[in-house]
Structures are given as structure tokens and as C-alpha cells.
């Protein structure tokens, strides 16, 4: 299955995240998590350390935010 961000340039991924990941709890943190994951390619484990979250929380943030993004 192709990922929602596959083949898109950095600026487009960033714009999609900034446009659609709004109006939710911890929106700014979640946008930052998404950008670090899908632009910088940081692992869930490293993101958990960086944002003081569990791996599961990071995965859940990414999953829930992906559902918000309309391409």
C-alpha cells in the first residue's frame, strides 16, 4: 500500500500537516511529531524519547493525524 506522503516533496508534506492537523488537543506537538516522522524519517522510538512519549503514543498520534489529512 502506498503511503499518503509517498513521492511528495518536503514543502508539500509540511503544508498538508500544517493545514490539516489543527483544532485538536496538542495540535502543535502533533504537527511537530508528524514532521519529524514523515519529513525527517525519525523512528517511533526516537520520537518517543524526543517528545517524552511512549512508542505507542507516537504511533497513535501519527495514525490519528494521518486520518485528518485530506490529499
N, C-alpha and C. Protein backbone atom coordinates (compact mmCIF):
# COMPACT_ATOMS: atom_id res chain seq x y z
N UNK A 1 0.84 -1.19 0.00
CA UNK A 1 0.00 0.00 0.00
C UNK A 1 0.88 1.25 0.00
N UNK A 2 0.55 2.20 -0.83
CA UNK A 2 1.31 3.44 -0.94
C UNK A 2 0.94 4.38 0.21
N UNK A 3 1.95 5.02 0.78
CA UNK A 3 1.72 5.93 1.90
C UNK A 3 1.22 7.28 1.38
N UNK A 4 0.44 7.97 2.18
CA UNK A 4 -0.15 9.25 1.83
C UNK A 4 0.89 10.29 1.38
N UNK A 5 2.11 10.21 1.92
CA UNK A 5 3.14 11.19 1.60
C UNK A 5 4.14 10.70 0.55
N UNK A 6 3.97 9.50 0.04
CA UNK A 6 4.93 8.93 -0.91
C UNK A 6 5.10 9.83 -2.12
N UNK A 7 6.35 10.13 -2.42
CA UNK A 7 6.68 10.90 -3.60
C UNK A 7 6.45 12.39 -3.52
N UNK A 8 5.93 12.87 -2.40
CA UNK A 8 5.66 14.30 -2.25
C UNK A 8 6.92 15.01 -1.72
N UNK A 9 7.17 16.22 -2.21
CA UNK A 9 8.32 16.98 -1.71
C UNK A 9 8.07 17.48 -0.28
N UNK A 10 9.16 17.81 0.38
CA UNK A 10 9.13 18.26 1.77
C UNK A 10 8.11 19.38 1.99
N UNK A 11 8.13 20.41 1.13
CA UNK A 11 7.25 21.56 1.33
C UNK A 11 5.77 21.16 1.26
N UNK A 12 5.44 20.19 0.43
CA UNK A 12 4.05 19.75 0.32
C UNK A 12 3.61 18.95 1.54
N UNK A 13 4.48 18.09 2.03
CA UNK A 13 4.18 17.33 3.26
C UNK A 13 3.98 18.29 4.42
N UNK A 14 4.89 19.25 4.54
CA UNK A 14 4.79 20.23 5.62
C UNK A 14 3.49 21.03 5.52
N UNK A 15 3.12 21.43 4.32
CA UNK A 15 1.89 22.18 4.11
C UNK A 15 0.66 21.36 4.47
N UNK A 16 0.63 20.09 4.06
CA UNK A 16 -0.51 19.22 4.40
C UNK A 16 -0.65 19.07 5.91
N UNK A 17 0.46 18.86 6.59
CA UNK A 17 0.43 18.70 8.05
C UNK A 17 -0.05 19.98 8.71
N UNK A 18 0.50 21.13 8.29
CA UNK A 18 0.12 22.41 8.88
C UNK A 18 -1.34 22.77 8.61
N UNK A 19 -1.85 22.37 7.46
CA UNK A 19 -3.22 22.69 7.08
C UNK A 19 -4.25 21.83 7.81
N UNK A 20 -3.98 20.54 7.94
CA UNK A 20 -4.99 19.61 8.44
C UNK A 20 -4.86 19.21 9.90
N UNK A 21 -3.68 19.32 10.49
CA UNK A 21 -3.52 18.91 11.89
C UNK A 21 -3.69 20.16 12.76
N UNK A 22 -4.94 20.57 12.89
CA UNK A 22 -5.31 21.76 13.65
C UNK A 22 -6.58 21.47 14.44
N UNK A 23 -6.84 22.30 15.45
CA UNK A 23 -8.09 22.20 16.18
C UNK A 23 -8.25 20.94 17.01
N UNK A 24 -7.15 20.30 17.37
CA UNK A 24 -7.19 19.11 18.20
C UNK A 24 -6.29 19.32 19.41
N UNK A 25 -6.47 18.51 20.43
CA UNK A 25 -5.59 18.60 21.59
C UNK A 25 -4.14 18.37 21.16
N UNK A 26 -3.25 19.17 21.68
CA UNK A 26 -1.82 19.05 21.41
C UNK A 26 -1.49 19.16 19.92
N UNK A 27 -2.21 20.02 19.20
CA UNK A 27 -2.03 20.13 17.74
C UNK A 27 -0.60 20.52 17.38
N UNK A 28 -0.02 21.47 18.08
CA UNK A 28 1.35 21.90 17.74
C UNK A 28 2.34 20.75 17.94
N UNK A 29 2.25 20.07 19.07
CA UNK A 29 3.13 18.92 19.32
C UNK A 29 2.92 17.85 18.25
N UNK A 30 1.67 17.58 17.93
CA UNK A 30 1.37 16.54 16.95
C UNK A 30 1.91 16.90 15.56
N UNK A 31 1.81 18.17 15.19
CA UNK A 31 2.39 18.61 13.92
C UNK A 31 3.90 18.39 13.93
N UNK A 32 4.53 18.72 15.03
CA UNK A 32 5.97 18.53 15.14
C UNK A 32 6.35 17.05 15.07
N UNK A 33 5.59 16.20 15.74
CA UNK A 33 5.83 14.75 15.68
C UNK A 33 5.70 14.28 14.23
N UNK A 34 4.64 14.69 13.56
CA UNK A 34 4.40 14.28 12.17
C UNK A 34 5.54 14.72 11.25
N UNK A 35 5.98 15.94 11.41
CA UNK A 35 7.07 16.45 10.56
C UNK A 35 8.36 15.69 10.82
N UNK A 36 8.66 15.42 12.07
CA UNK A 36 9.89 14.69 12.40
C UNK A 36 9.82 13.27 11.84
N UNK A 37 8.63 12.68 11.87
CA UNK A 37 8.47 11.31 11.38
C UNK A 37 8.50 11.25 9.85
N UNK A 38 7.66 12.06 9.21
CA UNK A 38 7.45 11.90 7.77
C UNK A 38 8.32 12.79 6.89
N UNK A 39 8.97 13.78 7.48
CA UNK A 39 9.92 14.59 6.71
C UNK A 39 11.35 14.17 7.05
N UNK A 40 11.63 14.06 8.35
CA UNK A 40 12.99 13.76 8.80
C UNK A 40 13.26 12.26 8.92
N UNK A 41 12.19 11.44 8.93
CA UNK A 41 12.35 9.99 8.97
C UNK A 41 12.79 9.43 10.31
N UNK A 42 12.48 10.12 11.40
CA UNK A 42 12.86 9.68 12.73
C UNK A 42 11.98 8.50 13.15
N UNK A 43 12.57 7.51 13.81
CA UNK A 43 11.83 6.33 14.24
C UNK A 43 10.84 6.67 15.36
N UNK A 44 9.85 5.80 15.52
CA UNK A 44 8.88 5.99 16.61
C UNK A 44 9.59 6.01 17.96
N UNK A 45 10.57 5.14 18.12
CA UNK A 45 11.29 5.05 19.39
C UNK A 45 12.02 6.37 19.70
N UNK A 46 12.72 6.90 18.71
CA UNK A 46 13.46 8.16 18.91
C UNK A 46 12.50 9.32 19.14
N UNK A 47 11.38 9.32 18.44
CA UNK A 47 10.39 10.37 18.66
C UNK A 47 9.82 10.30 20.07
N UNK A 48 9.61 9.10 20.56
CA UNK A 48 9.13 8.93 21.93
C UNK A 48 10.09 9.55 22.92
N UNK A 49 11.37 9.32 22.72
CA UNK A 49 12.38 9.92 23.60
C UNK A 49 12.37 11.44 23.47
N UNK A 50 12.32 11.93 22.24
CA UNK A 50 12.37 13.36 21.97
C UNK A 50 11.19 14.11 22.56
N UNK A 51 10.01 13.53 22.48
CA UNK A 51 8.79 14.21 22.92
C UNK A 51 8.27 13.68 24.26
N UNK A 52 9.04 12.84 24.92
CA UNK A 52 8.69 12.26 26.21
C UNK A 52 7.34 11.53 26.14
N UNK A 53 7.24 10.65 25.13
CA UNK A 53 6.06 9.83 24.91
C UNK A 53 6.48 8.38 24.75
N UNK A 54 5.53 7.48 24.87
CA UNK A 54 5.84 6.07 24.59
C UNK A 54 5.79 5.84 23.07
N UNK A 55 6.38 4.75 22.63
CA UNK A 55 6.31 4.39 21.21
C UNK A 55 4.86 4.30 20.76
N UNK A 56 4.04 3.68 21.59
CA UNK A 56 2.63 3.51 21.28
C UNK A 56 1.94 4.86 21.11
N UNK A 57 2.24 5.82 21.98
CA UNK A 57 1.63 7.14 21.87
C UNK A 57 2.02 7.82 20.55
N UNK A 58 3.29 7.70 20.18
CA UNK A 58 3.76 8.30 18.93
C UNK A 58 3.06 7.65 17.74
N UNK A 59 2.97 6.34 17.73
CA UNK A 59 2.28 5.63 16.65
C UNK A 59 0.82 6.07 16.56
N UNK A 60 0.18 6.20 17.70
CA UNK A 60 -1.22 6.61 17.74
C UNK A 60 -1.38 8.04 17.21
N UNK A 61 -0.49 8.94 17.61
CA UNK A 61 -0.53 10.33 17.11
C UNK A 61 -0.43 10.32 15.58
N UNK A 62 0.53 9.57 15.05
CA UNK A 62 0.72 9.52 13.60
C UNK A 62 -0.51 8.94 12.91
N UNK A 63 -1.04 7.87 13.43
CA UNK A 63 -2.22 7.22 12.85
C UNK A 63 -3.41 8.17 12.85
N UNK A 64 -3.67 8.80 13.97
CA UNK A 64 -4.82 9.70 14.09
C UNK A 64 -4.66 10.94 13.22
N UNK A 65 -3.46 11.47 13.12
CA UNK A 65 -3.23 12.66 12.30
C UNK A 65 -3.33 12.34 10.81
N UNK A 66 -2.88 11.17 10.40
CA UNK A 66 -2.98 10.75 9.00
C UNK A 66 -4.46 10.72 8.60
N UNK A 67 -5.33 10.29 9.51
CA UNK A 67 -6.76 10.23 9.21
C UNK A 67 -7.35 11.63 8.98
N UNK A 68 -6.72 12.67 9.55
CA UNK A 68 -7.22 14.04 9.39
C UNK A 68 -6.83 14.64 8.05
N UNK A 69 -5.76 14.17 7.47
CA UNK A 69 -5.19 14.82 6.27
C UNK A 69 -5.94 14.39 5.02
N UNK A 70 -6.40 15.40 4.29
CA UNK A 70 -7.11 15.18 3.02
C UNK A 70 -6.16 15.57 1.89
N UNK A 71 -5.86 14.61 1.03
CA UNK A 71 -4.92 14.87 -0.07
C UNK A 71 -5.69 15.17 -1.34
